Amino acid sequence: DDDEERMHFREALDLHGLDLIISCYSSWVDYEGPSPQTPANIQSELQVFSEELEKAKKLAPIKINAHVGSDLWPNFEDHEALFAGCLQVAEGFPNICFETHRGRP
């Protein structure tokens, strides 16, 4: 299961004295499958991002690189609302940086 795999991965990192920087997404996780042609709604993006952070937490990364949002959203207010929500979801997680994307659906 995923938790067991994460535990083994963390153990291997510790065994070899390695730190981890991990990416978390709000949609199109790990860029798997075809790129979305329509944007997800803000609540869905926040839910996915929250789930990604909880998974990452189990690996004790030294930094989290967040990939959030979508260029498909038509207005600034949607982007602003998502980012405000992401900041709330990420509260308490140290060392998170947020990437912006051009051309990423």
PDB file of N, CA and C in Angstrom:
ATOM      1  N   ASP A   1       0.837  -1.191   0.000  1.00  0.00           N
ATOM      2  CA  ASP A   1       0.000   0.000   0.000  1.00  0.00           C
ATOM      3  C   ASP A   1       0.874   1.242   0.000  1.00  0.00           C
ATOM      4  N   ASP A   2       0.286   2.376  -0.311  1.00  0.00           N
ATOM      5  CA  ASP A   2       1.057   3.613  -0.461  1.00  0.00           C
ATOM      6  C   ASP A   2       1.756   4.021   0.827  1.00  0.00           C
ATOM      7  N   ASP A   3       1.088   3.880   1.977  1.00  0.00           N
ATOM      8  CA  ASP A   3       1.711   4.262   3.245  1.00  0.00           C
ATOM      9  C   ASP A   3       2.940   3.410   3.534  1.00  0.00           C
ATOM     10  N   GLU A   4       2.846   2.132   3.240  1.00  0.00           N
ATOM     11  CA  GLU A   4       3.981   1.237   3.470  1.00  0.00           C
ATOM     12  C   GLU A   4       5.145   1.603   2.543  1.00  0.00           C
ATOM     13  N   GLU A   5       4.834   1.899   1.291  1.00  0.00           N
ATOM     14  CA  GLU A   5       5.882   2.311   0.351  1.00  0.00           C
ATOM     15  C   GLU A   5       6.543   3.603   0.806  1.00  0.00           C
ATOM     16  N   ARG A   6       5.730   4.560   1.276  1.00  0.00           N
ATOM     17  CA  ARG A   6       6.292   5.814   1.775  1.00  0.00           C
ATOM     18  C   ARG A   6       7.201   5.566   2.967  1.00  0.00           C
ATOM     19  N   MET A   7       6.784   4.663   3.870  1.00  0.00           N
ATOM     20  CA  MET A   7       7.591   4.354   5.042  1.00  0.00           C
ATOM     21  C   MET A   7       8.947   3.765   4.623  1.00  0.00           C
ATOM     22  N   HIS A   8       8.928   2.840   3.669  1.00  0.00           N
ATOM     23  CA  HIS A   8      10.182   2.232   3.194  1.00  0.00           C
ATOM     24  C   HIS A   8      11.066   3.264   2.499  1.00  0.00           C
ATOM     25  N   PHE A   9      10.450   4.144   1.748  1.00  0.00           N
ATOM     26  CA  PHE A   9      11.205   5.197   1.072  1.00  0.00           C
ATOM     27  C   PHE A   9      11.869   6.119   2.093  1.00  0.00           C
ATOM     28  N   ARG A  10      11.116   6.517   3.125  1.00  0.00           N
ATOM     29  CA  ARG A  10      11.668   7.385   4.175  1.00  0.00           C
ATOM     30  C   ARG A  10      12.820   6.682   4.896  1.00  0.00           C
ATOM     31  N   GLU A  11      12.658   5.388   5.167  1.00  0.00           N
ATOM     32  CA  GLU A  11      13.721   4.615   5.815  1.00  0.00           C
ATOM     33  C   GLU A  11      14.983   4.594   4.954  1.00  0.00           C
ATOM     34  N   ALA A  12      14.809   4.431   3.638  1.00  0.00           N
ATOM     35  CA  ALA A  12      15.966   4.420   2.737  1.00  0.00           C
ATOM     36  C   ALA A  12      16.656   5.782   2.722  1.00  0.00           C
ATOM     37  N   LEU A  13      15.874   6.857   2.726  1.00  0.00           N
ATOM     38  CA  LEU A  13      16.464   8.196   2.789  1.00  0.00           C
ATOM     39  C   LEU A  13      17.289   8.361   4.056  1.00  0.00           C
ATOM     40  N   ASP A  14      16.714   7.944   5.184  1.00  0.00           N
ATOM     41  CA  ASP A  14      17.412   8.061   6.471  1.00  0.00           C
ATOM     42  C   ASP A  14      18.680   7.215   6.493  1.00  0.00           C
ATOM     43  N   LEU A  15      18.590   6.001   5.975  1.00  0.00           N
ATOM     44  CA  LEU A  15      19.729   5.093   5.956  1.00  0.00           C
ATOM     45  C   LEU A  15      20.922   5.710   5.229  1.00  0.00           C
ATOM     46  N   HIS A  16      20.644   6.444   4.184  1.00  0.00           N
ATOM     47  CA  HIS A  16      21.704   7.020   3.360  1.00  0.00           C
ATOM     48  C   HIS A  16      21.957   8.497   3.660  1.00  0.00           C
ATOM     49  N   GLY A  17      21.294   9.011   4.705  1.00  0.00           N
ATOM     50  CA  GLY A  17      21.523  10.397   5.106  1.00  0.00           C
ATOM     51  C   GLY A  17      21.067  11.421   4.079  1.00  0.00           C
ATOM     52  N   LEU A  18      19.981  11.111   3.377  1.00  0.00           N
ATOM     53  CA  LEU A  18      19.485  11.997   2.323  1.00  0.00           C
ATOM     54  C   LEU A  18      18.291  12.815   2.782  1.00  0.00           C
ATOM     55  N   ASP A  19      18.226  14.055   2.319  1.00  0.00           N
ATOM     56  CA  ASP A  19      17.062  14.904   2.525  1.00  0.00           C
ATOM     57  C   ASP A  19      16.150  14.777   1.322  1.00  0.00           C
ATOM     58  N   LEU A  20      14.908  15.235   1.479  1.00  0.00           N
ATOM     59  CA  LEU A  20      13.926  15.125   0.412  1.00  0.00           C
ATOM     60  C   LEU A  20      13.263  16.476   0.165  1.00  0.00           C
ATOM     61  N   ILE A  21      13.190  16.870  -1.090  1.00  0.00           N
ATOM     62  CA  ILE A  21      12.375  17.984  -1.551  1.00  0.00           C
ATOM     63  C   ILE A  21      11.309  17.349  -2.435  1.00  0.00           C
ATOM     64  N   ILE A  22      10.059  17.670  -2.167  1.00  0.00           N
ATOM     65  CA  ILE A  22       8.963  16.993  -2.854  1.00  0.00           C
ATOM     66  C   ILE A  22       8.023  18.004  -3.503  1.00  0.00           C
ATOM     67  N   SER A  23       7.363  17.608  -4.579  1.00  0.00           N
ATOM     68  CA  SER A  23       6.366  18.444  -5.237  1.00  0.00           C
ATOM     69  C   SER A  23       4.973  17.981  -4.844  1.00  0.00           C
ATOM     70  N   CYS A  24       4.093  18.944  -4.620  1.00  0.00           N
ATOM     71  CA  CYS A  24       2.681  18.667  -4.362  1.00  0.00           C
ATOM     72  C   CYS A  24       1.858  19.471  -5.359  1.00  0.00           C
ATOM     73  N   TYR A  25       0.741  18.923  -5.761  1.00  0.00           N
ATOM     74  CA  TYR A  25      -0.073  19.508  -6.815  1.00  0.00           C
ATOM     75  C   TYR A  25      -1.488  19.789  -6.332  1.00  0.00           C
ATOM     76  N   SER A  26      -2.193  20.664  -7.081  1.00  0.00           N
ATOM     77  CA  SER A  26      -3.606  20.901  -6.794  1.00  0.00           C
ATOM     78  C   SER A  26      -4.486  20.247  -7.859  1.00  0.00           C
ATOM     79  N   SER A  27      -3.882  19.840  -8.945  1.00  0.00           N
ATOM     80  CA  SER A  27      -4.593  19.128 -10.011  1.00  0.00           C
ATOM     81  C   SER A  27      -3.542  18.523 -10.945  1.00  0.00           C
ATOM     82  N   TRP A  28      -3.980  17.659 -11.822  1.00  0.00           N
ATOM     83  CA  TRP A  28      -3.100  16.979 -12.791  1.00  0.00           C
ATOM     84  C   TRP A  28      -1.843  16.482 -12.086  1.00  0.00           C
ATOM     85  N   VAL A  29      -2.063  15.700 -11.029  1.00  0.00           N
ATOM     86  CA  VAL A  29      -1.008  15.217 -10.145  1.00  0.00           C
ATOM     87  C   VAL A  29       0.041  14.434 -10.923  1.00  0.00           C
ATOM     88  N   ASP A  30       1.300  14.817 -10.703  1.00  0.00           N
ATOM     89  CA  ASP A  30       2.458  14.205 -11.350  1.00  0.00           C
ATOM     90  C   ASP A  30       2.393  14.257 -12.878  1.00  0.00           C
ATOM     91  N   TYR A  31       1.528  15.102 -13.400  1.00  0.00           N
ATOM     92  CA  TYR A  31       1.366  15.253 -14.845  1.00  0.00           C
ATOM     93  C   TYR A  31       1.059  13.915 -15.512  1.00  0.00           C
ATOM     94  N   GLU A  32       0.321  13.067 -14.813  1.00  0.00           N
ATOM     95  CA  GLU A  32      -0.025  11.758 -15.361  1.00  0.00           C
ATOM     96  C   GLU A  32      -1.304  11.859 -16.178  1.00  0.00           C
ATOM     97  N   GLY A  33      -1.318  11.159 -17.303  1.00  0.00           N
ATOM     98  CA  GLY A  33      -2.477  11.182 -18.178  1.00  0.00           C
ATOM     99  C   GLY A  33      -2.491  12.443 -19.017  1.00  0.00           C
ATOM    100  N   PRO A  34      -3.528  12.577 -19.837  1.00  0.00           N
ATOM    101  CA  PRO A  34      -3.606  13.759 -20.703  1.00  0.00           C
ATOM    102  C   PRO A  34      -3.827  15.024 -19.870  1.00  0.00           C
ATOM    103  N   SER A  35      -3.357  16.151 -20.385  1.00  0.00           N
ATOM    104  CA  SER A  35      -3.554  17.407 -19.670  1.00  0.00           C
ATOM    105  C   SER A  35      -5.027  17.785 -19.703  1.00  0.00           C
ATOM    106  N   PRO A  36      -5.509  18.341 -18.597  1.00  0.00           N
ATOM    107  CA  PRO A  36      -6.918  18.745 -18.553  1.00  0.00           C
ATOM    108  C   PRO A  36      -7.202  19.856 -19.568  1.00  0.00           C
ATOM    109  N   GLN A  37      -8.378  19.802 -20.142  1.00  0.00           N
ATOM    110  CA  GLN A  37      -8.769  20.836 -21.098  1.00  0.00           C
ATOM    111  C   GLN A  37      -9.731  21.847 -20.475  1.00  0.00           C
ATOM    112  N   THR A  38     -10.226  21.530 -19.279  1.00  0.00           N
ATOM    113  CA  THR A  38     -11.066  22.455 -18.525  1.00  0.00           C
ATOM    114  C   THR A  38     -10.531  22.492 -17.100  1.00  0.00           C
ATOM    115  N   PRO A  39     -10.605  23.644 -16.444  1.00  0.00           N
ATOM    116  CA  PRO A  39     -10.062  23.737 -15.094  1.00  0.00           C
ATOM    117  C   PRO A  39     -10.959  23.060 -14.066  1.00  0.00           C
ATOM    118  N   ALA A  40     -10.343  22.543 -13.026  1.00  0.00           N
ATOM    119  CA  ALA A  40     -11.102  22.025 -11.891  1.00  0.00           C
ATOM    120  C   ALA A  40     -11.630  23.223 -11.106  1.00  0.00           C
ATOM    121  N   ASN A  41     -12.628  22.989 -10.269  1.00  0.00           N
ATOM    122  CA  ASN A  41     -13.110  24.099  -9.456  1.00  0.00           C
ATOM    123  C   ASN A  41     -12.185  24.301  -8.253  1.00  0.00           C
ATOM    124  N   ILE A  42     -12.300  25.428  -7.619  1.00  0.00           N
ATOM    125  CA  ILE A  42     -11.381  25.797  -6.545  1.00  0.00           C
ATOM    126  C   ILE A  42     -11.443  24.805  -5.396  1.00  0.00           C
ATOM    127  N   GLN A  43     -12.627  24.394  -4.996  1.00  0.00           N
ATOM    128  CA  GLN A  43     -12.742  23.450  -3.879  1.00  0.00           C
ATOM    129  C   GLN A  43     -12.072  22.120  -4.201  1.00  0.00           C
ATOM    130  N   SER A  44     -12.227  21.662  -5.423  1.00  0.00           N
ATOM    131  CA  SER A  44     -11.579  20.415  -5.840  1.00  0.00           C
ATOM    132  C   SER A  44     -10.060  20.567  -5.805  1.00  0.00           C
ATOM    133  N   GLU A  45      -9.557  21.701  -6.286  1.00  0.00           N
ATOM    134  CA  GLU A  45      -8.112  21.952  -6.271  1.00  0.00           C
ATOM    135  C   GLU A  45      -7.586  21.975  -4.834  1.00  0.00           C
ATOM    136  N   LEU A  46      -8.314  22.617  -3.932  1.00  0.00           N
ATOM    137  CA  LEU A  46      -7.889  22.688  -2.532  1.00  0.00           C
ATOM    138  C   LEU A  46      -7.908  21.314  -1.874  1.00  0.00           C
ATOM    139  N   GLN A  47      -8.898  20.505  -2.215  1.00  0.00           N
ATOM    140  CA  GLN A  47      -8.977  19.152  -1.654  1.00  0.00           C
ATOM    141  C   GLN A  47      -7.780  18.315  -2.108  1.00  0.00           C
ATOM    142  N   VAL A  48      -7.479  18.357  -3.400  1.00  0.00           N
ATOM    143  CA  VAL A  48      -6.341  17.597  -3.924  1.00  0.00           C
ATOM    144  C   VAL A  48      -5.044  18.085  -3.274  1.00  0.00           C
ATOM    145  N   PHE A  49      -4.877  19.411  -3.174  1.00  0.00           N
ATOM    146  CA  PHE A  49      -3.665  19.966  -2.578  1.00  0.00           C
ATOM    147  C   PHE A  49      -3.529  19.530  -1.124  1.00  0.00           C
ATOM    148  N   SER A  50      -4.613  19.556  -0.379  1.00  0.00           N
ATOM    149  CA  SER A  50      -4.599  19.123   1.019  1.00  0.00           C
ATOM    150  C   SER A  50      -4.188  17.657   1.140  1.00  0.00           C
ATOM    151  N   GLU A  51      -4.744  16.812   0.293  1.00  0.00           N
ATOM    152  CA  GLU A  51      -4.394  15.384   0.293  1.00  0.00           C
ATOM    153  C   GLU A  51      -2.922  15.184  -0.054  1.00  0.00           C
ATOM    154  N   GLU A  52      -2.434  15.935  -1.023  1.00  0.00           N
ATOM    155  CA  GLU A  52      -1.023  15.846  -1.405  1.00  0.00           C
ATOM    156  C   GLU A  52      -0.113  16.241  -0.240  1.00  0.00           C
ATOM    157  N   LEU A  53      -0.468  17.308   0.474  1.00  0.00           N
ATOM    158  CA  LEU A  53       0.349  17.742   1.608  1.00  0.00           C
ATOM    159  C   LEU A  53       0.371  16.694   2.714  1.00  0.00           C
ATOM    160  N   GLU A  54      -0.759  16.072   2.971  1.00  0.00           N
ATOM    161  CA  GLU A  54      -0.807  15.043   4.015  1.00  0.00           C
ATOM    162  C   GLU A  54       0.068  13.843   3.649  1.00  0.00           C
ATOM    163  N   LYS A  55       0.080  13.471   2.382  1.00  0.00           N
ATOM    164  CA  LYS A  55       0.954  12.385   1.930  1.00  0.00           C
ATOM    165  C   LYS A  55       2.422  12.792   2.086  1.00  0.00           C
ATOM    166  N   ALA A  56       2.717  14.012   1.691  1.00  0.00           N
ATOM    167  CA  ALA A  56       4.095  14.506   1.767  1.00  0.00           C
ATOM    168  C   ALA A  56       4.583  14.557   3.205  1.00  0.00           C
ATOM    169  N   LYS A  57       3.712  14.951   4.102  1.00  0.00           N
ATOM    170  CA  LYS A  57       4.073  15.083   5.522  1.00  0.00           C
ATOM    171  C   LYS A  57       4.686  13.793   6.061  1.00  0.00           C
ATOM    172  N   LYS A  58       4.186  12.650   5.606  1.00  0.00           N
ATOM    173  CA  LYS A  58       4.672  11.349   6.079  1.00  0.00           C
ATOM    174  C   LYS A  58       6.112  11.085   5.650  1.00  0.00           C
ATOM    175  N   LEU A  59       6.587  11.824   4.643  1.00  0.00           N
ATOM    176  CA  LEU A  59       7.955  11.641   4.160  1.00  0.00           C
ATOM    177  C   LEU A  59       8.930  12.636   4.779  1.00  0.00           C
ATOM    178  N   ALA A  60       8.422  13.550   5.599  1.00  0.00           N
ATOM    179  CA  ALA A  60       9.249  14.541   6.294  1.00  0.00           C
ATOM    180  C   ALA A  60      10.218  15.259   5.347  1.00  0.00           C
ATOM    181  N   PRO A  61       9.684  15.900   4.307  1.00  0.00           N
ATOM    182  CA  PRO A  61      10.579  16.610   3.387  1.00  0.00           C
ATOM    183  C   PRO A  61      11.160  17.868   4.030  1.00  0.00           C
ATOM    184  N   ILE A  62      12.303  18.297   3.526  1.00  0.00           N
ATOM    185  CA  ILE A  62      12.883  19.556   4.009  1.00  0.00           C
ATOM    186  C   ILE A  62      12.264  20.746   3.283  1.00  0.00           C
ATOM    187  N   LYS A  63      11.648  20.499   2.129  1.00  0.00           N
ATOM    188  CA  LYS A  63      10.966  21.551   1.375  1.00  0.00           C
ATOM    189  C   LYS A  63       9.860  20.925   0.542  1.00  0.00           C
ATOM    190  N   ILE A  64       8.776  21.676   0.373  1.00  0.00           N
ATOM    191  CA  ILE A  64       7.677  21.269  -0.505  1.00  0.00           C
ATOM    192  C   ILE A  64       7.540  22.321  -1.591  1.00  0.00           C
ATOM    193  N   ASN A  65       7.575  21.879  -2.842  1.00  0.00           N
ATOM    194  CA  ASN A  65       7.392  22.747  -3.997  1.00  0.00           C
ATOM    195  C   ASN A  65       5.953  22.553  -4.479  1.00  0.00           C
ATOM    196  N   ALA A  66       5.113  23.567  -4.286  1.00  0.00           N
ATOM    197  CA  ALA A  66       3.689  23.455  -4.610  1.00  0.00           C
ATOM    198  C   ALA A  66       3.397  23.934  -6.027  1.00  0.00           C
ATOM    199  N   HIS A  67       2.705  23.094  -6.774  1.00  0.00           N
ATOM    200  CA  HIS A  67       2.251  23.419  -8.123  1.00  0.00           C
ATOM    201  C   HIS A  67       0.735  23.570  -8.031  1.00  0.00           C
ATOM    202  N   VAL A  68       0.256  24.793  -8.012  1.00  0.00           N
ATOM    203  CA  VAL A  68      -1.177  25.020  -7.823  1.00  0.00           C
ATOM    204  C   VAL A  68      -1.721  25.934  -8.916  1.00  0.00           C
ATOM    205  N   GLY A  69      -3.004  25.804  -9.167  1.00  0.00           N
ATOM    206  CA  GLY A  69      -3.682  26.692 -10.096  1.00  0.00           C
ATOM    207  C   GLY A  69      -3.690  26.188 -11.522  1.00  0.00           C
ATOM    208  N   SER A  70      -4.281  27.006 -12.380  1.00  0.00           N
ATOM    209  CA  SER A  70      -4.432  26.636 -13.779  1.00  0.00           C
ATOM    210  C   SER A  70      -4.516  27.885 -14.638  1.00  0.00           C
ATOM    211  N   ASP A  71      -3.846  27.870 -15.774  1.00  0.00           N
ATOM    212  CA  ASP A  71      -3.951  28.975 -16.720  1.00  0.00           C
ATOM    213  C   ASP A  71      -5.303  28.984 -17.420  1.00  0.00           C
ATOM    214  N   LEU A  72      -6.088  27.929 -17.243  1.00  0.00           N
ATOM    215  CA  LEU A  72      -7.385  27.857 -17.904  1.00  0.00           C
ATOM    216  C   LEU A  72      -8.443  28.716 -17.220  1.00  0.00           C
ATOM    217  N   TRP A  73      -8.183  29.141 -15.989  1.00  0.00           N
ATOM    218  CA  TRP A  73      -9.167  29.968 -15.302  1.00  0.00           C
ATOM    219  C   TRP A  73      -9.240  31.334 -15.957  1.00  0.00           C
ATOM    220  N   PRO A  74     -10.452  31.822 -16.195  1.00  0.00           N
ATOM    221  CA  PRO A  74     -10.593  33.045 -16.983  1.00  0.00           C
ATOM    222  C   PRO A  74     -10.370  34.354 -16.227  1.00  0.00           C
ATOM    223  N   ASN A  75     -10.351  34.326 -14.896  1.00  0.00           N
ATOM    224  CA  ASN A  75     -10.248  35.610 -14.197  1.00  0.00           C
ATOM    225  C   ASN A  75      -9.306  35.558 -13.006  1.00  0.00           C
ATOM    226  N   PHE A  76      -8.811  36.721 -12.664  1.00  0.00           N
ATOM    227  CA  PHE A  76      -7.861  36.868 -11.576  1.00  0.00           C
ATOM    228  C   PHE A  76      -8.452  36.440 -10.236  1.00  0.00           C
ATOM    229  N   GLU A  77      -9.730  36.692 -10.020  1.00  0.00           N
ATOM    230  CA  GLU A  77     -10.377  36.379  -8.744  1.00  0.00           C
ATOM    231  C   GLU A  77     -10.301  34.885  -8.417  1.00  0.00           C
ATOM    232  N   ASP A  78     -10.425  34.029  -9.417  1.00  0.00           N
ATOM    233  CA  ASP A  78     -10.304  32.585  -9.175  1.00  0.00           C
ATOM    234  C   ASP A  78      -8.896  32.226  -8.714  1.00  0.00           C
ATOM    235  N   HIS A  79      -7.905  32.800  -9.363  1.00  0.00           N
ATOM    236  CA  HIS A  79      -6.515  32.544  -8.979  1.00  0.00           C
ATOM    237  C   HIS A  79      -6.247  33.044  -7.559  1.00  0.00           C
ATOM    238  N   GLU A  80      -6.741  34.216  -7.273  1.00  0.00           N
ATOM    239  CA  GLU A  80      -6.551  34.811  -5.949  1.00  0.00           C
ATOM    240  C   GLU A  80      -7.230  33.971  -4.866  1.00  0.00           C
ATOM    241  N   ALA A  81      -8.449  33.513  -5.128  1.00  0.00           N
ATOM    242  CA  ALA A  81      -9.178  32.683  -4.163  1.00  0.00           C
ATOM    243  C   ALA A  81      -8.458  31.351  -3.925  1.00  0.00           C
ATOM    244  N   LEU A  82      -7.957  30.736  -4.990  1.00  0.00           N
ATOM    245  CA  LEU A  82      -7.230  29.474  -4.824  1.00  0.00           C
ATOM    246  C   LEU A  82      -5.968  29.692  -3.998  1.00  0.00           C
ATOM    247  N   PHE A  83      -5.209  30.713  -4.314  1.00  0.00           N
ATOM    248  CA  PHE A  83      -3.965  30.933  -3.596  1.00  0.00           C
ATOM    249  C   PHE A  83      -4.222  31.221  -2.120  1.00  0.00           C
ATOM    250  N   ALA A  84      -5.251  32.008  -1.822  1.00  0.00           N
ATOM    251  CA  ALA A  84      -5.613  32.275  -0.424  1.00  0.00           C
ATOM    252  C   ALA A  84      -5.975  30.972   0.284  1.00  0.00           C
ATOM    253  N   GLY A  85      -6.729  30.108  -0.407  1.00  0.00           N
ATOM    254  CA  GLY A  85      -7.089  28.810   0.171  1.00  0.00           C
ATOM    255  C   GLY A  85      -5.875  27.922   0.366  1.00  0.00           C
ATOM    256  N   CYS A  86      -4.967  27.938  -0.584  1.00  0.00           N
ATOM    257  CA  CYS A  86      -3.747  27.126  -0.474  1.00  0.00           C
ATOM    258  C   CYS A  86      -2.891  27.579   0.708  1.00  0.00           C
ATOM    259  N   LEU A  87      -2.825  28.879   0.931  1.00  0.00           N
ATOM    260  CA  LEU A  87      -2.068  29.376   2.079  1.00  0.00           C
ATOM    261  C   LEU A  87      -2.678  28.880   3.389  1.00  0.00           C
ATOM    262  N   GLN A  88      -4.001  28.811   3.456  1.00  0.00           N
ATOM    263  CA  GLN A  88      -4.659  28.283   4.657  1.00  0.00           C
ATOM    264  C   GLN A  88      -4.374  26.795   4.820  1.00  0.00           C
ATOM    265  N   VAL A  89      -4.513  26.042   3.726  1.00  0.00           N
ATOM    266  CA  VAL A  89      -4.260  24.595   3.768  1.00  0.00           C
ATOM    267  C   VAL A  89      -2.816  24.318   4.169  1.00  0.00           C
ATOM    268  N   ALA A  90      -1.889  25.144   3.699  1.00  0.00           N
ATOM    269  CA  ALA A  90      -0.455  24.921   3.930  1.00  0.00           C
ATOM    270  C   ALA A  90       0.020  25.444   5.285  1.00  0.00           C
ATOM    271  N   GLU A  91      -0.859  26.115   6.029  1.00  0.00           N
ATOM    272  CA  GLU A  91      -0.446  26.661   7.320  1.00  0.00           C
ATOM    273  C   GLU A  91       0.073  25.534   8.220  1.00  0.00           C
ATOM    274  N   GLY A  92       1.203  25.767   8.821  1.00  0.00           N
ATOM    275  CA  GLY A  92       1.805  24.757   9.690  1.00  0.00           C
ATOM    276  C   GLY A  92       2.802  23.855   8.987  1.00  0.00           C
ATOM    277  N   PHE A  93       2.838  23.915   7.667  1.00  0.00           N
ATOM    278  CA  PHE A  93       3.837  23.151   6.912  1.00  0.00           C
ATOM    279  C   PHE A  93       5.023  24.073   6.669  1.00  0.00           C
ATOM    280  N   PRO A  94       6.188  23.733   7.197  1.00  0.00           N
ATOM    281  CA  PRO A  94       7.338  24.606   6.979  1.00  0.00           C
ATOM    282  C   PRO A  94       7.902  24.460   5.560  1.00  0.00           C
ATOM    283  N   ASN A  95       8.529  25.503   5.112  1.00  0.00           N
ATOM    284  CA  ASN A  95       9.309  25.462   3.863  1.00  0.00           C
ATOM    285  C   ASN A  95       8.520  25.051   2.627  1.00  0.00           C
ATOM    286  N   ILE A  96       7.400  25.740   2.398  1.00  0.00           N
ATOM    287  CA  ILE A  96       6.638  25.524   1.165  1.00  0.00           C
ATOM    288  C   ILE A  96       6.891  26.703   0.240  1.00  0.00           C
ATOM    289  N   CYS A  97       7.196  26.388  -1.007  1.00  0.00           N
ATOM    290  CA  CYS A  97       7.278  27.436  -2.019  1.00  0.00           C
ATOM    291  C   CYS A  97       6.212  27.141  -3.072  1.00  0.00           C
ATOM    292  N   PHE A  98       5.717  28.180  -3.676  1.00  0.00           N
ATOM    293  CA  PHE A  98       4.654  28.046  -4.674  1.00  0.00           C
ATOM    294  C   PHE A  98       5.188  28.447  -6.037  1.00  0.00           C
ATOM    295  N   GLU A  99       5.000  27.567  -7.005  1.00  0.00           N
ATOM    296  CA  GLU A  99       5.395  27.842  -8.388  1.00  0.00           C
ATOM    297  C   GLU A  99       4.201  28.360  -9.155  1.00  0.00           C
ATOM    298  N   THR A 100       4.461  29.271 -10.058  1.00  0.00           N
ATOM    299  CA  THR A 100       3.434  29.667 -11.004  1.00  0.00           C
ATOM    300  C   THR A 100       3.801  29.060 -12.344  1.00  0.00           C
ATOM    301  N   HIS A 101       2.814  28.858 -13.162  1.00  0.00           N
ATOM    302  CA  HIS A 101       3.036  28.191 -14.451  1.00  0.00           C
ATOM    303  C   HIS A 101       2.409  28.996 -15.553  1.00  0.00           C
ATOM    304  N   ARG A 102       3.072  29.036 -16.632  1.00  0.00           N
ATOM    305  CA  ARG A 102       2.502  29.598 -17.848  1.00  0.00           C
ATOM    306  C   ARG A 102       2.338  28.441 -18.813  1.00  0.00           C
ATOM    307  N   GLY A 103       1.154  28.282 -19.321  1.00  0.00           N
ATOM    308  CA  GLY A 103       0.901  27.215 -20.266  1.00  0.00           C
ATOM    309  C   GLY A 103       0.576  25.889 -19.596  1.00  0.00           C
ATOM    310  N   ARG A 104       0.402  25.870 -18.278  1.00  0.00           N
ATOM    311  CA  ARG A 104       0.031  24.631 -17.582  1.00  0.00           C
ATOM    312  C   ARG A 104      -1.475  24.658 -17.347  1.00  0.00           C
ATOM    313  N   PRO A 105      -2.207  23.716 -17.926  1.00  0.00           N
ATOM    314  CA  PRO A 105      -3.662  23.711 -17.716  1.00  0.00           C
ATOM    315  C   PRO A 105      -4.025  23.354 -16.285  1.00  0.00           C
TER     316      PRO A 105
END
